[in-house]
């Protein structure tokens, strides 16, 4: 319950720290860092010494990610009894 409340508060803020931005899009901080490095997620904005990701930019980048629909799902090929 505490985690749910914590992440619900993220939607009220526009700027998110790295761990929060990762949680916002549903990945680990390491995966988020890889997505930023390969250009699939936006770079952070620097506010004094803090790096902050714009939630609206995250939303736009998330919309541009490829859908998993094109990948073969091995379960789809199992014969049903």
N, C-alpha and C. Protein backbone atom coordinates (compact mmCIF):
# COMPACT_ATOMS: atom_id res chain seq x y z
N UNK A 1 0.83 -1.20 0.00
CA UNK A 1 0.00 0.00 0.00
C UNK A 1 0.87 1.26 0.00
N UNK A 2 1.96 1.24 0.75
CA UNK A 2 2.84 2.41 0.80
C UNK A 2 3.43 2.72 -0.56
N UNK A 3 3.83 1.68 -1.31
CA UNK A 3 4.38 1.89 -2.65
C UNK A 3 3.34 2.50 -3.58
N UNK A 4 2.11 2.04 -3.48
CA UNK A 4 1.04 2.57 -4.32
C UNK A 4 0.85 4.06 -4.07
N UNK A 5 0.84 4.45 -2.82
CA UNK A 5 0.68 5.86 -2.48
C UNK A 5 1.87 6.67 -2.95
N UNK A 6 3.08 6.10 -2.81
CA UNK A 6 4.28 6.81 -3.24
C UNK A 6 4.25 7.07 -4.74
N UNK A 7 3.90 6.06 -5.55
CA UNK A 7 3.88 6.24 -6.99
C UNK A 7 2.69 7.06 -7.46
N UNK A 8 1.61 7.07 -6.71
CA UNK A 8 0.48 7.92 -7.05
C UNK A 8 0.88 9.39 -6.94
N UNK A 9 1.74 9.71 -5.99
CA UNK A 9 2.20 11.10 -5.83
C UNK A 9 3.08 11.53 -7.00
N UNK A 10 3.74 10.59 -7.67
CA UNK A 10 4.59 10.95 -8.80
C UNK A 10 3.80 11.63 -9.90
N UNK A 11 2.55 11.25 -10.06
CA UNK A 11 1.74 11.83 -11.12
C UNK A 11 1.41 13.29 -10.86
N UNK A 12 1.61 13.75 -9.65
CA UNK A 12 1.34 15.15 -9.33
C UNK A 12 2.52 16.04 -9.69
N UNK A 13 3.70 15.46 -9.81
CA UNK A 13 4.90 16.23 -10.11
C UNK A 13 5.28 16.07 -11.56
N UNK A 14 5.82 17.10 -12.14
CA UNK A 14 6.27 17.02 -13.53
C UNK A 14 7.70 16.51 -13.63
N UNK A 15 8.55 16.91 -12.71
CA UNK A 15 9.95 16.49 -12.74
C UNK A 15 10.18 15.28 -11.86
N UNK A 16 10.87 14.28 -12.42
CA UNK A 16 11.12 13.04 -11.68
C UNK A 16 12.61 12.74 -11.65
N UNK A 17 13.09 12.22 -10.53
CA UNK A 17 14.47 11.74 -10.45
C UNK A 17 14.59 10.43 -11.21
N UNK A 18 15.82 9.97 -11.41
CA UNK A 18 16.06 8.78 -12.24
C UNK A 18 15.27 7.57 -11.77
N UNK A 19 15.33 7.25 -10.50
CA UNK A 19 14.63 6.07 -9.99
C UNK A 19 13.11 6.24 -10.14
N UNK A 20 12.62 7.45 -9.92
CA UNK A 20 11.19 7.72 -10.08
C UNK A 20 10.78 7.63 -11.54
N UNK A 21 11.62 8.17 -12.43
CA UNK A 21 11.32 8.11 -13.87
C UNK A 21 11.29 6.66 -14.34
N UNK A 22 12.21 5.85 -13.85
CA UNK A 22 12.24 4.43 -14.20
C UNK A 22 10.96 3.75 -13.73
N UNK A 23 10.57 4.01 -12.49
CA UNK A 23 9.35 3.41 -11.95
C UNK A 23 8.13 3.91 -12.72
N UNK A 24 8.14 5.16 -13.13
CA UNK A 24 7.02 5.75 -13.86
C UNK A 24 6.73 5.00 -15.16
N UNK A 25 7.82 4.59 -15.87
CA UNK A 25 7.59 3.86 -17.12
C UNK A 25 7.62 2.34 -16.91
N UNK A 26 7.88 1.90 -15.69
CA UNK A 26 7.77 0.48 -15.37
C UNK A 26 9.00 -0.37 -15.60
N UNK A 27 10.18 0.24 -15.50
CA UNK A 27 11.42 -0.52 -15.69
C UNK A 27 12.36 -0.26 -14.52
N UNK A 28 13.43 -1.04 -14.44
CA UNK A 28 14.43 -0.82 -13.40
C UNK A 28 15.26 0.42 -13.72
N UNK A 29 15.92 1.00 -12.72
CA UNK A 29 16.79 2.14 -13.00
C UNK A 29 17.89 1.82 -14.02
N UNK A 30 18.45 0.61 -13.99
CA UNK A 30 19.48 0.25 -14.97
C UNK A 30 18.93 0.18 -16.38
N UNK A 31 17.76 -0.40 -16.53
CA UNK A 31 17.12 -0.44 -17.86
C UNK A 31 16.79 0.96 -18.32
N UNK A 32 16.30 1.78 -17.43
CA UNK A 32 15.99 3.17 -17.78
C UNK A 32 17.24 3.88 -18.28
N UNK A 33 18.36 3.67 -17.60
CA UNK A 33 19.62 4.30 -18.01
C UNK A 33 20.02 3.86 -19.42
N UNK A 34 19.84 2.57 -19.72
CA UNK A 34 20.14 2.08 -21.08
C UNK A 34 19.22 2.73 -22.10
N UNK A 35 17.95 2.89 -21.77
CA UNK A 35 17.00 3.53 -22.69
C UNK A 35 17.38 4.99 -22.95
N UNK A 36 17.86 5.68 -21.91
CA UNK A 36 18.32 7.06 -22.09
C UNK A 36 19.58 7.09 -22.96
N UNK A 37 20.51 6.19 -22.67
CA UNK A 37 21.78 6.17 -23.42
C UNK A 37 21.59 5.84 -24.89
N UNK A 38 20.60 4.98 -25.20
CA UNK A 38 20.40 4.65 -26.62
C UNK A 38 19.37 5.55 -27.30
N UNK A 39 18.90 6.57 -26.58
CA UNK A 39 18.04 7.58 -27.19
C UNK A 39 16.55 7.27 -27.20
N UNK A 40 16.15 6.14 -26.62
CA UNK A 40 14.72 5.82 -26.61
C UNK A 40 13.97 6.55 -25.51
N UNK A 41 14.67 7.04 -24.50
CA UNK A 41 14.09 7.89 -23.47
C UNK A 41 14.85 9.21 -23.49
N UNK A 42 14.19 10.30 -23.09
CA UNK A 42 14.84 11.61 -23.16
C UNK A 42 15.95 11.76 -22.12
N UNK A 43 16.84 12.67 -22.41
CA UNK A 43 17.87 13.02 -21.43
C UNK A 43 17.26 13.88 -20.34
N UNK A 44 17.92 13.90 -19.21
CA UNK A 44 17.45 14.68 -18.07
C UNK A 44 17.72 16.16 -18.28
N UNK A 45 16.97 16.96 -17.57
CA UNK A 45 17.23 18.39 -17.48
C UNK A 45 18.02 18.60 -16.20
N UNK A 46 18.95 19.51 -16.23
CA UNK A 46 19.73 19.79 -15.03
C UNK A 46 19.13 21.01 -14.33
N UNK A 47 18.76 20.83 -13.09
CA UNK A 47 18.27 21.92 -12.25
C UNK A 47 19.27 22.05 -11.11
N UNK A 48 20.13 23.05 -11.21
CA UNK A 48 21.29 23.19 -10.35
C UNK A 48 22.11 21.91 -10.44
N UNK A 49 22.25 21.15 -9.38
CA UNK A 49 23.06 19.94 -9.46
C UNK A 49 22.22 18.67 -9.63
N UNK A 50 20.92 18.81 -9.70
CA UNK A 50 20.02 17.66 -9.78
C UNK A 50 19.61 17.38 -11.22
N UNK A 51 19.58 16.09 -11.58
CA UNK A 51 19.07 15.67 -12.88
C UNK A 51 17.61 15.30 -12.71
N UNK A 52 16.76 15.86 -13.58
CA UNK A 52 15.31 15.67 -13.48
C UNK A 52 14.75 15.36 -14.87
N UNK A 53 13.90 14.33 -14.93
CA UNK A 53 13.24 13.97 -16.19
C UNK A 53 11.84 14.55 -16.21
N UNK A 54 11.49 15.14 -17.34
CA UNK A 54 10.18 15.75 -17.55
C UNK A 54 9.17 14.63 -17.81
N UNK A 55 8.15 14.55 -16.99
CA UNK A 55 7.14 13.49 -17.12
C UNK A 55 6.46 13.53 -18.49
N UNK A 56 6.22 14.72 -19.02
CA UNK A 56 5.58 14.82 -20.33
C UNK A 56 6.49 14.28 -21.44
N UNK A 57 7.80 14.54 -21.33
CA UNK A 57 8.73 13.99 -22.31
C UNK A 57 8.81 12.47 -22.19
N UNK A 58 8.74 11.96 -20.96
CA UNK A 58 8.71 10.51 -20.76
C UNK A 58 7.48 9.90 -21.42
N UNK A 59 6.34 10.57 -21.26
CA UNK A 59 5.10 10.07 -21.88
C UNK A 59 5.26 10.00 -23.41
N UNK A 60 5.81 11.05 -23.99
CA UNK A 60 5.99 11.08 -25.45
C UNK A 60 6.94 9.99 -25.91
N UNK A 61 8.05 9.83 -25.20
CA UNK A 61 9.03 8.81 -25.57
C UNK A 61 8.44 7.41 -25.39
N UNK A 62 7.65 7.22 -24.35
CA UNK A 62 7.04 5.92 -24.10
C UNK A 62 6.09 5.56 -25.23
N UNK A 63 5.34 6.54 -25.72
CA UNK A 63 4.42 6.31 -26.84
C UNK A 63 5.17 5.88 -28.11
N UNK A 64 6.40 6.32 -28.26
CA UNK A 64 7.19 6.00 -29.45
C UNK A 64 7.88 4.64 -29.38
N UNK A 65 7.91 4.01 -28.20
CA UNK A 65 8.54 2.69 -28.08
C UNK A 65 7.79 1.68 -28.92
N UNK A 66 8.53 0.72 -29.45
CA UNK A 66 7.92 -0.32 -30.26
C UNK A 66 6.98 -1.17 -29.41
N UNK A 67 5.91 -1.58 -30.01
CA UNK A 67 4.97 -2.47 -29.35
C UNK A 67 5.52 -3.88 -29.38
N UNK A 68 5.19 -4.67 -28.38
CA UNK A 68 5.62 -6.06 -28.34
C UNK A 68 4.76 -6.96 -29.18
N UNK A 69 3.77 -6.40 -29.90
CA UNK A 69 2.84 -7.21 -30.70
C UNK A 69 3.54 -7.97 -31.83
N UNK A 70 4.64 -7.44 -32.34
CA UNK A 70 5.31 -8.07 -33.47
C UNK A 70 6.14 -9.29 -33.07
N UNK A 71 6.44 -9.40 -31.79
CA UNK A 71 7.26 -10.52 -31.33
C UNK A 71 6.41 -11.77 -31.22
N UNK A 72 6.99 -12.88 -31.60
CA UNK A 72 6.28 -14.16 -31.51
C UNK A 72 6.15 -14.56 -30.05
N UNK A 73 4.97 -14.96 -29.69
CA UNK A 73 4.70 -15.45 -28.35
C UNK A 73 4.66 -16.97 -28.44
N UNK A 74 5.61 -17.67 -27.79
CA UNK A 74 5.66 -19.12 -27.93
C UNK A 74 4.39 -19.81 -27.46
N UNK A 75 3.65 -19.22 -26.56
CA UNK A 75 2.42 -19.81 -26.06
C UNK A 75 1.36 -19.85 -27.17
N UNK A 76 1.41 -18.92 -28.11
CA UNK A 76 0.45 -18.89 -29.21
C UNK A 76 0.54 -20.12 -30.09
N UNK A 77 1.67 -20.80 -30.08
CA UNK A 77 1.89 -21.93 -30.97
C UNK A 77 1.67 -23.28 -30.29
N UNK A 78 1.20 -23.30 -29.07
CA UNK A 78 0.92 -24.55 -28.37
C UNK A 78 -0.45 -25.05 -28.78
N UNK A 79 -0.51 -26.30 -29.18
CA UNK A 79 -1.80 -26.90 -29.54
C UNK A 79 -2.63 -27.11 -28.29
N UNK A 80 -3.85 -26.71 -28.37
CA UNK A 80 -4.77 -26.88 -27.25
C UNK A 80 -5.40 -28.27 -27.31
N UNK A 81 -5.62 -28.85 -26.17
CA UNK A 81 -6.24 -30.18 -26.10
C UNK A 81 -7.75 -30.02 -26.08
